[in-house]
Amino acid sequence: MSTAATTIDHLLDTLAALPLSARKMFGEYALYLDGKVVALVCDDQLFVKATPGAVTALPSTPLGAPYPGAKGHLLVTDALDDPDGVIMALRAVAASLPPPKPKTKPPKGP
């Protein structure tokens, strides 16, 4: 099952205080903040990377795997009723991740 575009629209609207962007990947979505992947949306569910800052912002949020074999992420459900905690968690994730690597252009041929 894949995530509906309406789910992404709803999440981006609910979390509009952040300059989030979404990118479709394999029928699911990655959410980006400051060019960094901070969350995944799989099967219409929001999974936030479980960094220490995110766990502090969403202390009672259970862990779940967005796909088989994935590391544990915070499975955000009820927390979206009060998006301030989710916004704090996403900011904490972005702050804890290294900057994105610059894209390199392939060398030009002869």
Protein backbone atom coordinates (compact mmCIF):
# COMPACT_ATOMS: atom_id res chain seq x y z
CA MET A 1 0.00 0.00 0.00
CA SER A 2 1.30 3.46 -0.79
CA THR A 3 0.72 6.86 0.73
CA ALA A 4 -1.98 9.08 -0.76
CA ALA A 5 -1.04 12.54 -1.99
CA THR A 6 -3.88 13.92 0.15
CA THR A 7 -2.08 12.63 3.26
CA ILE A 8 1.03 14.59 2.29
CA ASP A 9 -1.04 17.71 1.59
CA HIS A 10 -2.66 17.38 5.04
CA LEU A 11 0.71 16.91 6.80
CA LEU A 12 2.31 19.86 5.02
CA ASP A 13 -0.72 22.00 5.87
CA THR A 14 -0.74 20.89 9.52
CA LEU A 15 3.00 21.54 9.84
CA ALA A 16 2.96 24.73 7.75
CA ALA A 17 5.01 26.58 10.39
CA LEU A 18 8.01 24.71 8.95
CA PRO A 19 9.38 25.02 5.41
CA LEU A 20 8.90 21.29 4.79
CA SER A 21 9.00 19.71 1.38
CA ALA A 22 8.00 16.21 0.34
CA ARG A 23 9.53 13.94 -2.25
CA LYS A 24 7.90 10.78 -3.55
CA MET A 25 10.08 7.71 -3.29
CA PHE A 26 8.92 4.17 -4.15
CA GLY A 27 5.26 5.04 -3.59
CA GLU A 28 6.01 6.57 -0.21
CA TYR A 29 7.37 9.98 0.78
CA ALA A 30 10.33 11.57 2.51
CA LEU A 31 9.88 14.90 4.32
CA TYR A 32 12.74 17.37 4.08
CA LEU A 33 13.66 20.30 6.32
CA ASP A 34 16.71 22.38 5.45
CA GLY A 35 17.59 19.86 2.74
CA LYS A 36 17.70 17.00 5.27
CA VAL A 37 15.38 13.99 5.48
CA VAL A 38 13.67 14.39 8.86
CA ALA A 39 10.73 12.01 8.46
CA LEU A 40 9.15 9.39 6.26
CA VAL A 41 5.49 8.92 5.41
CA CYS A 42 4.71 5.27 4.71
CA ASP A 43 1.25 3.72 4.42
CA ASP A 44 -0.24 7.12 5.32
CA GLN A 45 1.64 7.20 8.66
CA LEU A 46 4.23 9.74 9.80
CA PHE A 47 7.56 8.34 11.00
CA VAL A 48 9.98 10.89 12.51
CA LYS A 49 13.65 10.01 12.89
CA ALA A 50 14.21 9.03 16.51
CA THR A 51 17.02 11.39 17.44
CA PRO A 52 17.48 12.31 21.12
CA GLY A 53 15.92 15.74 20.53
CA ALA A 54 12.89 14.25 18.78
CA VAL A 55 12.36 11.73 21.58
CA THR A 56 12.52 14.59 24.11
CA ALA A 57 9.95 16.60 22.13
CA LEU A 58 7.61 13.59 21.75
CA PRO A 59 8.31 11.49 24.87
CA SER A 60 5.28 9.20 24.79
CA THR A 61 5.42 8.46 21.07
CA PRO A 62 5.98 4.76 20.27
CA LEU A 63 8.66 3.49 17.93
CA GLY A 64 7.79 1.80 14.68
CA ALA A 65 9.51 0.78 11.45
CA PRO A 66 8.43 2.64 8.32
CA TYR A 67 9.42 -0.39 6.21
CA PRO A 68 10.83 -3.85 6.92
CA GLY A 69 14.42 -3.71 8.12
CA ALA A 70 14.34 0.03 8.91
CA LYS A 71 15.67 1.53 12.14
CA GLY A 72 13.04 2.54 14.69
CA HIS A 73 11.32 5.85 14.03
CA LEU A 74 8.79 7.72 16.15
CA LEU A 75 5.35 6.71 14.89
CA VAL A 76 3.44 9.98 15.16
CA THR A 77 -0.33 9.61 15.36
CA ASP A 78 -2.13 11.46 18.16
CA ALA A 79 0.65 14.05 18.37
CA LEU A 80 -0.64 15.64 15.16
CA ASP A 81 -3.69 16.85 17.11
CA ASP A 82 -1.27 19.35 18.71
CA PRO A 83 1.39 19.92 16.03
CA ASP A 84 3.71 22.08 18.19
CA GLY A 85 5.47 19.02 19.62
CA VAL A 86 5.89 17.52 16.15
CA ILE A 87 7.30 20.81 14.88
CA MET A 88 9.80 20.88 17.78
CA ALA A 89 10.75 17.27 17.04
CA LEU A 90 11.31 17.93 13.33
CA ARG A 91 13.44 20.98 14.11
CA ALA A 92 15.48 18.90 16.57
CA VAL A 93 16.03 16.19 13.95
CA ALA A 94 17.18 18.73 11.35
CA ALA A 95 19.53 20.37 13.86
CA SER A 96 21.14 17.04 14.76
CA LEU A 97 21.82 15.87 11.20
CA PRO A 98 24.90 16.83 9.20
CA PRO A 99 24.43 19.22 6.29
CA PRO A 100 23.49 17.58 3.01
CA LYS A 101 26.39 16.64 0.78
CA PRO A 102 26.74 18.92 -2.23
CA LYS A 103 25.74 17.31 -5.47
CA THR A 104 28.65 16.69 -7.80
CA LYS A 105 28.36 17.00 -11.52
CA PRO A 106 29.71 14.14 -13.59
CA PRO A 107 32.86 15.00 -15.56
CA LYS A 108 32.30 16.14 -19.11
CA GLY A 109 33.40 13.82 -21.84
CA PRO A 110 36.16 14.60 -24.33
